[in-house]
Amino acid sequence: MSETTRLEAFSDGVLAIAITLLVLDLRVPLEDTLHGSLASALADEWPAYAAYVTSFLVIGIIWVNHHGVFSLVNRVDRVTLFLNLLLLMAVVAIPFTTALLSEYLRAGGRDARTAALVYSLVMLAMSVAFAGLFAHLARHAERLADGVDPVAVRRSIVRFSAVGLLLYVGTVIVALFSAPLCLIAHFLIALYYCFQQIRPGRRPAEA
């Protein structure tokens, strides 16, 4: 098993655990605690559902893009391994921040904004780690797979990394004013990354 394959396998396992932990924040309304109908009790849990869907989409897209990045890579070095660990460290914190935001989203006021701020800061940390990882790989052509155009990959840094960093900084600012709008912003950013932002191109044929 190659180092790249081992890195992807380890990352896949961590991402799978993180995305699975999100469901633990979804609670079943107990019959003896209902103050109305079950439908009403389920509707009252909308913050948990909204946060769950958003974070599930975020981690899912991270997994897709992580696979896309390493499909371009032929070799990894020690720096790559540590940058990947930083990315995973941020990702595994997402279930906690998701539970925090879903708990305080309806509270409004300072607590809701604080929860949204913590959520956004973790997402920003994830974006910084992913940007650093991709930039490191893109700037070392010798580690790219055969047939991948290093110039095209480097050109993708702005679209894949820089834009994301600016968007996540924006969510930190939005969190200071509105927790619900902050969650919507994160959902929209996830939709942005649903589309291919990396253009590997083809290495020019040698004469």
Protein backbone atom coordinates (compact mmCIF):
# COMPACT_ATOMS: atom_id res chain seq x y z
CA MET A 1 0.00 0.00 0.00
CA SER A 2 1.44 3.37 -1.04
CA GLU A 3 1.79 6.33 1.32
CA THR A 4 -0.88 8.21 -0.62
CA THR A 5 -3.29 5.28 -0.32
CA ARG A 6 -2.61 4.98 3.41
CA LEU A 7 -3.21 8.70 3.91
CA GLU A 8 -6.52 8.53 2.04
CA ALA A 9 -7.64 5.42 3.92
CA PHE A 10 -6.89 7.01 7.30
CA SER A 11 -8.61 10.24 6.27
CA ASP A 12 -11.66 8.37 4.98
CA GLY A 13 -12.02 6.65 8.34
CA VAL A 14 -11.78 9.88 10.31
CA LEU A 15 -14.24 11.66 8.01
CA ALA A 16 -16.67 8.74 8.21
CA ILE A 17 -16.63 8.87 12.01
CA ALA A 18 -17.08 12.65 12.06
CA ILE A 19 -20.04 12.61 9.67
CA THR A 20 -21.66 9.76 11.61
CA LEU A 21 -21.36 11.59 14.93
CA LEU A 22 -23.60 14.35 13.57
CA VAL A 23 -26.67 12.16 13.92
CA LEU A 24 -26.16 11.84 17.69
CA ASP A 25 -27.49 15.38 18.11
CA LEU A 26 -30.87 14.37 16.68
CA ARG A 27 -33.08 13.50 19.64
CA VAL A 28 -36.30 11.48 19.72
CA PRO A 29 -39.07 13.38 21.56
CA LEU A 30 -40.12 11.25 24.53
CA GLU A 31 -43.83 10.59 24.91
CA ASP A 32 -43.95 11.56 28.58
CA THR A 33 -42.33 14.94 27.87
CA LEU A 34 -44.62 15.99 25.02
CA HIS A 35 -46.63 19.16 25.59
CA GLY A 36 -48.46 18.78 22.32
CA SER A 37 -48.43 16.47 19.31
CA LEU A 38 -45.40 14.56 18.10
CA ALA A 39 -45.48 16.57 14.88
CA SER A 40 -45.22 19.78 16.90
CA ALA A 41 -42.35 18.39 18.96
CA LEU A 42 -40.49 17.36 15.81
CA ALA A 43 -41.04 20.79 14.28
CA ASP A 44 -39.57 22.40 17.39
CA GLU A 45 -36.33 20.54 16.67
CA TRP A 46 -35.78 22.37 13.36
CA PRO A 47 -32.47 23.93 14.49
CA ALA A 48 -30.99 20.45 15.00
CA TYR A 49 -32.18 19.33 11.57
CA ALA A 50 -30.90 22.47 9.83
CA ALA A 51 -27.50 22.23 11.51
CA TYR A 52 -27.32 18.49 10.78
CA VAL A 53 -28.05 18.92 7.06
CA THR A 54 -25.58 21.78 6.72
CA SER A 55 -22.74 20.03 8.55
CA PHE A 56 -23.40 16.71 6.82
CA LEU A 57 -23.14 18.50 3.48
CA VAL A 58 -19.96 20.29 4.58
CA ILE A 59 -18.16 17.12 5.71
CA GLY A 60 -19.44 15.23 2.68
CA ILE A 61 -18.04 17.88 0.35
CA ILE A 62 -14.75 17.86 2.27
CA TRP A 63 -14.55 14.12 1.62
CA VAL A 64 -15.31 14.56 -2.09
CA ASN A 65 -12.75 17.37 -2.51
CA HIS A 66 -10.16 15.53 -0.41
CA HIS A 67 -10.48 12.61 -2.81
CA GLY A 68 -10.24 15.03 -5.75
CA VAL A 69 -7.06 16.61 -4.42
CA PHE A 70 -5.27 13.33 -3.76
CA SER A 71 -6.30 11.89 -7.12
CA LEU A 72 -3.80 14.44 -8.51
CA VAL A 73 -0.98 13.33 -6.23
CA ASN A 74 1.55 10.59 -6.77
CA ARG A 75 3.72 11.05 -3.66
CA VAL A 76 3.32 12.65 -0.24
CA ASP A 77 5.92 13.97 2.17
CA ARG A 78 6.03 14.55 5.92
CA VAL A 79 4.70 18.11 5.60
CA THR A 80 1.70 16.81 3.65
CA LEU A 81 0.94 14.30 6.39
CA PHE A 82 0.96 16.96 9.10
CA LEU A 83 -1.12 19.40 7.05
CA ASN A 84 -3.62 16.61 6.49
CA LEU A 85 -3.73 15.97 10.24
CA LEU A 86 -4.50 19.65 10.84
CA LEU A 87 -7.39 19.39 8.40
CA LEU A 88 -8.75 16.31 10.17
CA MET A 89 -8.36 17.97 13.57
CA ALA A 90 -10.69 20.74 12.42
CA VAL A 91 -13.15 18.32 10.82
CA VAL A 92 -13.59 16.17 13.94
CA ALA A 93 -14.57 19.32 15.87
CA ILE A 94 -17.51 19.97 13.52
CA PRO A 95 -19.93 17.58 15.32
CA PHE A 96 -19.35 19.45 18.59
CA THR A 97 -19.88 22.88 17.04
CA THR A 98 -22.94 21.57 15.19
CA ALA A 99 -24.50 20.42 18.46
CA LEU A 100 -23.60 23.73 20.07
CA LEU A 101 -25.20 25.77 17.30
CA SER A 102 -28.35 23.65 17.13
CA GLU A 103 -28.80 23.97 20.90
CA TYR A 104 -28.50 27.76 21.02
CA LEU A 105 -29.84 28.71 17.56
CA ARG A 106 -33.36 29.39 18.87
CA ALA A 107 -32.16 31.14 22.00
CA GLY A 108 -31.28 34.27 20.10
CA GLY A 109 -29.19 37.05 21.54
CA ARG A 110 -25.56 36.78 22.56
CA ASP A 111 -25.51 33.02 23.19
CA ALA A 112 -26.78 32.19 19.71
CA ARG A 113 -24.22 34.50 18.14
CA THR A 114 -21.47 33.00 20.26
CA ALA A 115 -22.42 29.49 19.14
CA ALA A 116 -22.48 30.65 15.51
CA LEU A 117 -19.08 32.30 15.98
CA VAL A 118 -17.54 29.10 17.36
CA TYR A 119 -19.06 27.14 14.46
CA SER A 120 -17.64 29.61 11.94
CA LEU A 121 -14.20 29.69 13.53
CA VAL A 122 -13.91 25.91 13.30
CA MET A 123 -15.02 26.05 9.67
CA LEU A 124 -12.46 28.78 9.03
CA ALA A 125 -9.76 26.64 10.64
CA MET A 126 -10.80 23.77 8.38
CA SER A 127 -10.59 26.07 5.34
CA VAL A 128 -7.13 27.34 6.33
CA ALA A 129 -5.86 23.77 6.80
CA PHE A 130 -7.33 22.59 3.50
CA ALA A 131 -5.96 25.65 1.68
CA GLY A 132 -2.50 25.04 3.14
CA LEU A 133 -2.64 21.37 2.16
CA PHE A 134 -3.71 22.07 -1.40
CA ALA A 135 -1.23 24.93 -1.87
CA HIS A 136 1.63 22.76 -0.61
CA LEU A 137 0.78 19.99 -3.06
CA ALA A 138 0.11 22.38 -5.96
CA ARG A 139 3.48 24.09 -5.58
CA HIS A 140 5.48 20.86 -5.76
CA ALA A 141 5.07 19.54 -9.29
CA GLU A 142 7.27 16.52 -8.60
CA ARG A 143 4.58 15.10 -6.31
CA LEU A 144 1.78 15.36 -8.88
CA ALA A 145 0.59 12.31 -10.78
CA ASP A 146 1.63 11.69 -14.36
CA GLY A 147 -0.43 13.67 -16.86
CA VAL A 148 -1.47 16.38 -14.38
CA ASP A 149 -0.58 19.89 -15.50
CA PRO A 150 1.11 21.66 -12.54
CA VAL A 151 0.35 25.10 -13.99
CA ALA A 152 -3.37 24.33 -14.17
CA VAL A 153 -3.33 23.00 -10.62
CA ARG A 154 -1.60 26.13 -9.31
CA ARG A 155 -4.18 28.28 -11.07
CA SER A 156 -6.87 26.46 -9.09
CA ILE A 157 -5.46 27.72 -5.79
CA VAL A 158 -7.45 30.96 -5.98
CA ARG A 159 -10.73 29.29 -6.92
CA PHE A 160 -10.36 26.39 -4.49
CA SER A 161 -8.58 28.00 -1.53
CA ALA A 162 -8.53 31.79 -1.59
CA VAL A 163 -12.23 32.21 -2.37
CA GLY A 164 -13.15 29.75 0.37
CA LEU A 165 -11.01 31.56 2.93
CA LEU A 166 -12.71 34.86 2.15
CA LEU A 167 -16.16 33.26 2.35
CA TYR A 168 -15.44 31.67 5.73
CA VAL A 169 -14.05 34.93 7.08
CA GLY A 170 -17.36 36.43 5.95
CA THR A 171 -19.28 33.87 8.02
CA VAL A 172 -17.33 34.92 11.11
CA ILE A 173 -18.52 38.48 10.54
CA VAL A 174 -22.11 37.35 9.88
CA ALA A 175 -22.04 35.30 13.10
CA LEU A 176 -21.55 38.50 15.08
CA PHE A 177 -24.96 39.72 13.90
CA SER A 178 -27.19 36.70 13.18
CA ALA A 179 -26.87 33.00 13.96
CA PRO A 180 -29.57 31.83 11.48
CA LEU A 181 -28.02 33.86 8.64
CA CYS A 182 -24.64 32.42 9.54
CA LEU A 183 -25.96 28.86 9.18
CA ILE A 184 -27.51 29.75 5.82
CA ALA A 185 -24.17 31.21 4.70
CA HIS A 186 -22.40 27.96 5.54
CA PHE A 187 -24.98 26.00 3.59
CA LEU A 188 -24.43 28.22 0.54
CA ILE A 189 -20.65 27.85 0.79
CA ALA A 190 -21.10 24.07 0.84
CA LEU A 191 -23.16 24.35 -2.35
CA TYR A 192 -20.32 26.36 -3.93
CA TYR A 193 -17.91 23.52 -3.23
CA CYS A 194 -20.31 20.98 -4.69
CA PHE A 195 -19.02 22.17 -8.05
CA GLN A 196 -15.56 21.24 -9.28
CA GLN A 197 -13.15 23.99 -8.25
CA ILE A 198 -9.93 22.21 -9.23
CA ARG A 199 -8.84 22.16 -12.87
CA PRO A 200 -6.01 19.63 -13.19
CA GLY A 201 -5.73 20.04 -16.94
CA ARG A 202 -3.27 17.95 -18.88
CA ARG A 203 0.49 18.12 -18.83
CA PRO A 204 1.73 19.44 -22.18
CA ALA A 205 3.08 16.64 -24.33
CA GLU A 206 6.85 16.59 -24.63
CA ALA A 207 8.29 17.05 -28.10
